[in-house]
Each structure stands twice: as structure tokens, then as C-alpha cells.
PDB file of N, CA and C in Angstrom:
ATOM      1  N   MET A   1      -6.206   4.848  15.987  1.00  0.00           N
ATOM      2  CA  MET A   1      -6.970   6.092  15.325  1.00  0.00           C
ATOM      3  C   MET A   1      -8.599   4.957  14.998  1.00  0.00           C
ATOM      4  N   PRO A   2      -9.228   5.946  15.314  1.00  0.00           N
ATOM      5  CA  PRO A   2     -10.464   5.326  14.482  1.00  0.00           C
ATOM      6  C   PRO A   2     -11.153   5.266  12.879  1.00  0.00           C
ATOM      7  N   ALA A   3     -11.824   4.231  12.612  1.00  0.00           N
ATOM      8  CA  ALA A   3     -11.487   4.109  11.036  1.00  0.00           C
ATOM      9  C   ALA A   3     -12.679   5.167  11.015  1.00  0.00           C
ATOM     10  N   LYS A   4     -12.180   5.999   9.844  1.00  0.00           N
ATOM     11  CA  LYS A   4     -13.188   6.903   9.279  1.00  0.00           C
ATOM     12  C   LYS A   4     -14.019   6.361   8.263  1.00  0.00           C
ATOM     13  N   HIS A   5     -13.398   5.556   7.348  1.00  0.00           N
ATOM     14  CA  HIS A   5     -14.017   4.608   6.420  1.00  0.00           C
ATOM     15  C   HIS A   5     -13.886   3.449   6.165  1.00  0.00           C
ATOM     16  N   SER A   6     -14.068   2.205   5.639  1.00  0.00           N
ATOM     17  CA  SER A   6     -13.647   1.286   6.108  1.00  0.00           C
ATOM     18  C   SER A   6     -14.288   0.045   4.682  1.00  0.00           C
ATOM     19  N   ARG A   7     -13.172  -0.923   4.466  1.00  0.00           N
ATOM     20  CA  ARG A   7     -13.321  -1.342   3.185  1.00  0.00           C
ATOM     21  C   ARG A   7     -13.296  -2.821   3.353  1.00  0.00           C
ATOM     22  N   HIS A   8     -13.995  -3.780   2.471  1.00  0.00           N
ATOM     23  CA  HIS A   8     -14.110  -4.987   2.529  1.00  0.00           C
ATOM     24  C   HIS A   8     -12.826  -5.810   1.636  1.00  0.00           C
ATOM     25  N   ILE A   9     -11.995  -6.488   1.674  1.00  0.00           N
ATOM     26  CA  ILE A   9     -10.777  -6.949   0.697  1.00  0.00           C
ATOM     27  C   ILE A   9     -10.871  -8.681   1.059  1.00  0.00           C
ATOM     28  N   ALA A  10     -10.684  -8.972  -0.504  1.00  0.00           N
ATOM     29  CA  ALA A  10     -10.207 -10.431  -0.808  1.00  0.00           C
ATOM     30  C   ALA A  10      -9.206 -10.569  -0.668  1.00  0.00           C
ATOM     31  N   LEU A  11      -8.235 -11.559   0.509  1.00  0.00           N
ATOM     32  CA  LEU A  11      -7.055 -11.959   0.297  1.00  0.00           C
ATOM     33  C   LEU A  11      -6.744 -13.504  -0.143  1.00  0.00           C
ATOM     34  N   THR A  12      -6.114 -13.741  -0.726  1.00  0.00           N
ATOM     35  CA  THR A  12      -5.546 -15.365  -0.641  1.00  0.00           C
ATOM     36  C   THR A  12      -5.188 -15.979   0.538  1.00  0.00           C
ATOM     37  N   GLU A  13      -5.069 -16.837   1.143  1.00  0.00           N
ATOM     38  CA  GLU A  13      -4.835 -18.044   1.853  1.00  0.00           C
ATOM     39  C   GLU A  13      -3.537 -17.436   2.704  1.00  0.00           C
ATOM     40  N   ALA A  14      -2.808 -17.677   1.716  1.00  0.00           N
ATOM     41  CA  ALA A  14      -0.832 -17.211   1.396  1.00  0.00           C
ATOM     42  C   ALA A  14      -1.050 -15.379   2.195  1.00  0.00           C
ATOM     43  N   LEU A  15      -2.023 -14.552   1.528  1.00  0.00           N
ATOM     44  CA  LEU A  15      -1.667 -13.207   2.552  1.00  0.00           C
ATOM     45  C   LEU A  15      -2.265 -13.129   3.898  1.00  0.00           C
ATOM     46  N   ALA A  16      -3.183 -13.963   3.948  1.00  0.00           N
ATOM     47  CA  ALA A  16      -4.199 -13.590   5.064  1.00  0.00           C
ATOM     48  C   ALA A  16      -3.274 -14.254   5.993  1.00  0.00           C
ATOM     49  N   ALA A  17      -2.519 -15.511   5.821  1.00  0.00           N
ATOM     50  CA  ALA A  17      -1.924 -16.004   6.497  1.00  0.00           C
ATOM     51  C   ALA A  17       0.077 -15.139   6.992  1.00  0.00           C
ATOM     52  N   TRP A  18      -0.195 -14.618   6.292  1.00  0.00           N
ATOM     53  CA  TRP A  18       1.003 -13.585   6.245  1.00  0.00           C
ATOM     54  C   TRP A  18       1.004 -12.635   7.374  1.00  0.00           C
ATOM     55  N   ILE A  19      -0.174 -11.748   6.741  1.00  0.00           N
ATOM     56  CA  ILE A  19      -0.882 -10.835   8.178  1.00  0.00           C
ATOM     57  C   ILE A  19      -1.204 -10.494   9.167  1.00  0.00           C
ATOM     58  N   ASP A  20      -1.211 -12.136   9.434  1.00  0.00           N
ATOM     59  CA  ASP A  20      -1.586 -12.953  10.511  1.00  0.00           C
ATOM     60  C   ASP A  20      -0.499 -13.617  11.529  1.00  0.00           C
ATOM     61  N   SER A  21       0.335 -14.105  10.712  1.00  0.00           N
ATOM     62  CA  SER A  21       1.721 -13.877  11.544  1.00  0.00           C
ATOM     63  C   SER A  21       2.395 -12.696  11.517  1.00  0.00           C
ATOM     64  N   GLN A  22       2.498 -11.592  10.878  1.00  0.00           N
ATOM     65  CA  GLN A  22       2.965 -10.441  11.405  1.00  0.00           C
ATOM     66  C   GLN A  22       2.349  -9.469  12.901  1.00  0.00           C
ATOM     67  N   VAL A  23       0.899  -9.641  12.941  1.00  0.00           N
ATOM     68  CA  VAL A  23       0.412  -8.975  13.593  1.00  0.00           C
ATOM     69  C   VAL A  23       0.974 -10.090  14.874  1.00  0.00           C
ATOM     70  N   ALA A  24       1.009 -11.863  14.734  1.00  0.00           N
ATOM     71  CA  ALA A  24       1.459 -12.149  15.778  1.00  0.00           C
ATOM     72  C   ALA A  24       2.519 -11.929  16.504  1.00  0.00           C
ATOM     73  N   LYS A  25       3.661 -11.520  15.996  1.00  0.00           N
ATOM     74  CA  LYS A  25       4.768 -10.772  16.240  1.00  0.00           C
ATOM     75  C   LYS A  25       4.921  -9.859  16.447  1.00  0.00           C
ATOM     76  N   GLY A  26       3.910  -9.569  16.546  1.00  0.00           N
ATOM     77  CA  GLY A  26       3.923  -7.426  17.343  1.00  0.00           C
ATOM     78  C   GLY A  26       4.493  -7.119  16.293  1.00  0.00           C
ATOM     79  N   GLU A  27       4.674  -8.099  14.790  1.00  0.00           N
ATOM     80  CA  GLU A  27       5.463  -6.218  14.091  1.00  0.00           C
ATOM     81  C   GLU A  27       4.152  -5.687  13.770  1.00  0.00           C
ATOM     82  N   TYR A  28       3.225  -5.540  13.547  1.00  0.00           N
ATOM     83  CA  TYR A  28       1.968  -4.586  13.584  1.00  0.00           C
ATOM     84  C   TYR A  28       0.964  -4.414  14.486  1.00  0.00           C
ATOM     85  N   ALA A  29      -0.085  -3.693  15.425  1.00  0.00           N
ATOM     86  CA  ALA A  29      -0.716  -4.030  16.239  1.00  0.00           C
ATOM     87  C   ALA A  29      -2.061  -4.177  15.355  1.00  0.00           C
ATOM     88  N   SER A  30      -2.292  -4.279  14.665  1.00  0.00           N
ATOM     89  CA  SER A  30      -3.390  -4.695  13.864  1.00  0.00           C
ATOM     90  C   SER A  30      -2.884  -5.041  12.402  1.00  0.00           C
ATOM     91  N   THR A  31      -4.205  -6.046  11.940  1.00  0.00           N
ATOM     92  CA  THR A  31      -4.210  -6.111  10.064  1.00  0.00           C
ATOM     93  C   THR A  31      -4.687  -4.586   9.781  1.00  0.00           C
ATOM     94  N   SER A  32      -5.682  -3.850  10.878  1.00  0.00           N
ATOM     95  CA  SER A  32      -5.797  -2.881   9.818  1.00  0.00           C
ATOM     96  C   SER A  32      -4.101  -1.663   9.645  1.00  0.00           C
ATOM     97  N   ASP A  33      -3.539  -2.139  11.200  1.00  0.00           N
ATOM     98  CA  ASP A  33      -2.557  -1.293  11.053  1.00  0.00           C
ATOM     99  C   ASP A  33      -1.442  -2.050  10.076  1.00  0.00           C
ATOM    100  N   LEU A  34      -1.631  -2.723   9.996  1.00  0.00           N
ATOM    101  CA  LEU A  34      -0.329  -3.591   8.188  1.00  0.00           C
ATOM    102  C   LEU A  34      -0.900  -2.463   7.183  1.00  0.00           C
ATOM    103  N   ILE A  35      -2.052  -2.782   6.865  1.00  0.00           N
ATOM    104  CA  ILE A  35      -2.959  -2.374   5.813  1.00  0.00           C
ATOM    105  C   ILE A  35      -2.678  -1.148   5.250  1.00  0.00           C
ATOM    106  N   ARG A  36      -2.312   0.112   6.842  1.00  0.00           N
ATOM    107  CA  ARG A  36      -2.717   1.607   6.611  1.00  0.00           C
ATOM    108  C   ARG A  36      -1.400   1.708   6.351  1.00  0.00           C
ATOM    109  N   THR A  37      -0.150   0.946   6.192  1.00  0.00           N
ATOM    110  CA  THR A  37       0.865   0.944   6.542  1.00  0.00           C
ATOM    111  C   THR A  37       1.138   0.883   5.167  1.00  0.00           C
ATOM    112  N   ALA A  38       1.076  -0.431   4.978  1.00  0.00           N
ATOM    113  CA  ALA A  38       1.373  -0.760   3.673  1.00  0.00           C
ATOM    114  C   ALA A  38       0.652   0.111   2.022  1.00  0.00           C
ATOM    115  N   ILE A  39      -0.398   0.516   2.362  1.00  0.00           N
ATOM    116  CA  ILE A  39      -1.510   1.822   1.969  1.00  0.00           C
ATOM    117  C   ILE A  39      -0.368   3.060   1.263  1.00  0.00           C
ATOM    118  N   ARG A  40       0.413   3.137   2.782  1.00  0.00           N
ATOM    119  CA  ARG A  40       1.498   4.590   2.967  1.00  0.00           C
ATOM    120  C   ARG A  40       2.316   4.522   2.332  1.00  0.00           C
ATOM    121  N   VAL A  41       3.235   3.228   1.739  1.00  0.00           N
ATOM    122  CA  VAL A  41       4.615   2.743   1.531  1.00  0.00           C
ATOM    123  C   VAL A  41       4.281   2.716   0.021  1.00  0.00           C
ATOM    124  N   LEU A  42       3.125   2.185  -0.370  1.00  0.00           N
ATOM    125  CA  LEU A  42       2.527   2.652  -2.212  1.00  0.00           C
ATOM    126  C   LEU A  42       2.451   3.725  -2.638  1.00  0.00           C
ATOM    127  N   ARG A  43       1.849   4.735  -1.524  1.00  0.00           N
ATOM    128  CA  ARG A  43       1.679   6.090  -2.242  1.00  0.00           C
ATOM    129  C   ARG A  43       2.940   7.315  -1.581  1.00  0.00           C
ATOM    130  N   THR A  44       3.507   6.875  -0.972  1.00  0.00           N
ATOM    131  CA  THR A  44       5.166   7.412  -1.300  1.00  0.00           C
ATOM    132  C   THR A  44       5.462   6.814  -2.346  1.00  0.00           C
ATOM    133  N   ARG A  45       5.700   5.819  -2.926  1.00  0.00           N
ATOM    134  CA  ARG A  45       6.188   5.559  -4.184  1.00  0.00           C
ATOM    135  C   ARG A  45       5.879   5.705  -5.024  1.00  0.00           C
ATOM    136  N   ASP A  46       4.062   5.912  -5.435  1.00  0.00           N
ATOM    137  CA  ASP A  46       3.744   6.284  -6.727  1.00  0.00           C
ATOM    138  C   ASP A  46       3.809   7.782  -6.724  1.00  0.00           C
ATOM    139  N   GLU A  47       4.323   8.522  -5.695  1.00  0.00           N
ATOM    140  CA  GLU A  47       4.362   9.742  -5.541  1.00  0.00           C
ATOM    141  C   GLU A  47       5.780  10.197  -5.760  1.00  0.00           C
ATOM    142  N   GLY A  48       6.608   8.931  -5.383  1.00  0.00           N
ATOM    143  CA  GLY A  48       8.349   9.180  -6.180  1.00  0.00           C
ATOM    144  C   GLY A  48       7.908   9.344  -7.519  1.00  0.00           C
ATOM    145  N   GLU A  49       7.294   8.205  -7.796  1.00  0.00           N
ATOM    146  CA  GLU A  49       7.318   8.165  -9.397  1.00  0.00           C
ATOM    147  C   GLU A  49       6.998   9.130 -10.544  1.00  0.00           C
ATOM    148  N   ALA A  50       5.831   9.765  -9.701  1.00  0.00           N
ATOM    149  CA  ALA A  50       5.812  11.207 -10.579  1.00  0.00           C
ATOM    150  C   ALA A  50       6.379  11.924 -10.377  1.00  0.00           C
ATOM    151  N   ILE A  51       7.245  12.271  -9.033  1.00  0.00           N
ATOM    152  CA  ILE A  51       8.347  13.135  -9.505  1.00  0.00           C
ATOM    153  C   ILE A  51       9.238  13.256 -10.424  1.00  0.00           C
ATOM    154  N   GLY A  52       9.720  11.660 -10.196  1.00  0.00           N
ATOM    155  CA  GLY A  52      10.453  11.265 -11.682  1.00  0.00           C
ATOM    156  C   GLY A  52      10.185  11.458 -13.097  1.00  0.00           C
ATOM    157  N   GLN A  53       9.323  11.603 -12.981  1.00  0.00           N
ATOM    158  CA  GLN A  53       8.475  11.249 -14.350  1.00  0.00           C
ATOM    159  C   GLN A  53       8.564  13.037 -15.098  1.00  0.00           C
ATOM    160  N   ALA A  54       8.270  13.439 -13.559  1.00  0.00           N
ATOM    161  CA  ALA A  54       7.764  14.763 -14.214  1.00  0.00           C
ATOM    162  C   ALA A  54       9.305  15.618 -14.785  1.00  0.00           C
ATOM    163  N   ALA A  55      10.465  15.327 -13.954  1.00  0.00           N
ATOM    164  CA  ALA A  55      11.821  15.804 -13.555  1.00  0.00           C
ATOM    165  C   ALA A  55      12.215  15.331 -15.119  1.00  0.00           C
ATOM    166  N   ARG A  56      11.884  13.554 -15.695  1.00  0.00           N
ATOM    167  CA  ARG A  56      12.083  13.663 -17.027  1.00  0.00           C
ATOM    168  C   ARG A  56      11.743  13.887 -17.766  1.00  0.00           C
ATOM    169  N   GLY A  57      10.770  14.985 -17.711  1.00  0.00           N
ATOM    170  CA  GLY A  57       9.817  15.747 -18.704  1.00  0.00           C
ATOM    171  C   GLY A  57       8.579  14.426 -19.552  1.00  0.00           C
ATOM    172  N   ALA A  58       8.415  13.217 -18.817  1.00  0.00           N
ATOM    173  CA  ALA A  58       7.419  12.374 -19.370  1.00  0.00           C
ATOM    174  C   ALA A  58       6.047  12.682 -19.202  1.00  0.00           C
ATOM    175  N   PRO A  59       4.995  12.610 -19.499  1.00  0.00           N
ATOM    176  CA  PRO A  59       3.642  13.142 -19.428  1.00  0.00           C
ATOM    177  C   PRO A  59       2.992  12.301 -18.195  1.00  0.00           C
ATOM    178  N   ALA A  60       2.325  13.079 -17.497  1.00  0.00           N
ATOM    179  CA  ALA A  60       2.038  12.554 -16.051  1.00  0.00           C
ATOM    180  C   ALA A  60       0.907  12.019 -16.136  1.00  0.00           C
ATOM    181  N   SER A  61      -0.160  11.108 -17.526  1.00  0.00           N
ATOM    182  CA  SER A  61      -0.499  10.175 -17.930  1.00  0.00           C
ATOM    183  C   SER A  61       0.577   8.922 -18.103  1.00  0.00           C
ATOM    184  N   LEU A  62       1.721   8.700 -18.017  1.00  0.00           N
ATOM    185  CA  LEU A  62       2.868   7.637 -18.261  1.00  0.00           C
ATOM    186  C   LEU A  62       2.737   6.687 -16.895  1.00  0.00           C
ATOM    187  N   SER A  63       2.419   5.547 -16.696  1.00  0.00           N
ATOM    188  CA  SER A  63       2.834   5.328 -15.415  1.00  0.00           C
ATOM    189  C   SER A  63       2.662   3.887 -16.229  1.00  0.00           C
ATOM    190  N   ARG A  64       3.580   2.821 -14.724  1.00  0.00           N
ATOM    191  CA  ARG A  64       4.195   1.945 -14.998  1.00  0.00           C
ATOM    192  C   ARG A  64       3.007   0.625 -14.727  1.00  0.00           C
ATOM    193  N   ARG A  65       1.593   1.109 -14.168  1.00  0.00           N
ATOM    194  CA  ARG A  65       0.638   0.475 -14.964  1.00  0.00           C
ATOM    195  C   ARG A  65      -0.269   0.456 -15.918  1.00  0.00           C
ATOM    196  N   GLN A  66      -0.056   1.315 -17.153  1.00  0.00           N
ATOM    197  CA  GLN A  66      -0.758   1.352 -18.077  1.00  0.00           C
ATOM    198  C   GLN A  66       0.433   0.607 -19.242  1.00  0.00           C
ATOM    199  N   GLY A  67       1.379   0.731 -18.910  1.00  0.00           N
ATOM    200  CA  GLY A  67       2.586  -0.289 -20.219  1.00  0.00           C
ATOM    201  C   GLY A  67       2.433  -1.521 -19.481  1.00  0.00           C
TER     202      GLY A  67
END
């Protein structure tokens, strides 16, 4: 999939090495593929948490990042 938007990020040496090892093992086609997958996982998790908060009647503004 051609990138429509690009971002530049700074990683620790340990994170960069881990990403490189995952790509080298064939777990992901590229660094971009791994990052897109990680973002999808986080987004799905966050959406699930929002649904859970709504089911419990918690205000939508509450999140684990604010507390």
C-alpha cells in the first residue's frame, strides 16, 4: 500500500533493533508494516476502552492517560 502520509519518529536503540529483528525474521514486510500494525492494535484497544467506559456510564473524557 503506497503511503499517503509519512511521519518521522525517534526510537531508542532497543526499539529500533527489535523492529529490525521482526522484519528480518519475516514477521513483517517492512518497518512501516510493523508500525501500521501496532497503530491498528492500539486504536482497536482504545476504541474498546471507550465502549467499555460508555457501557459503565463513565464520561467519554475519562481515559487512562489523564489519570
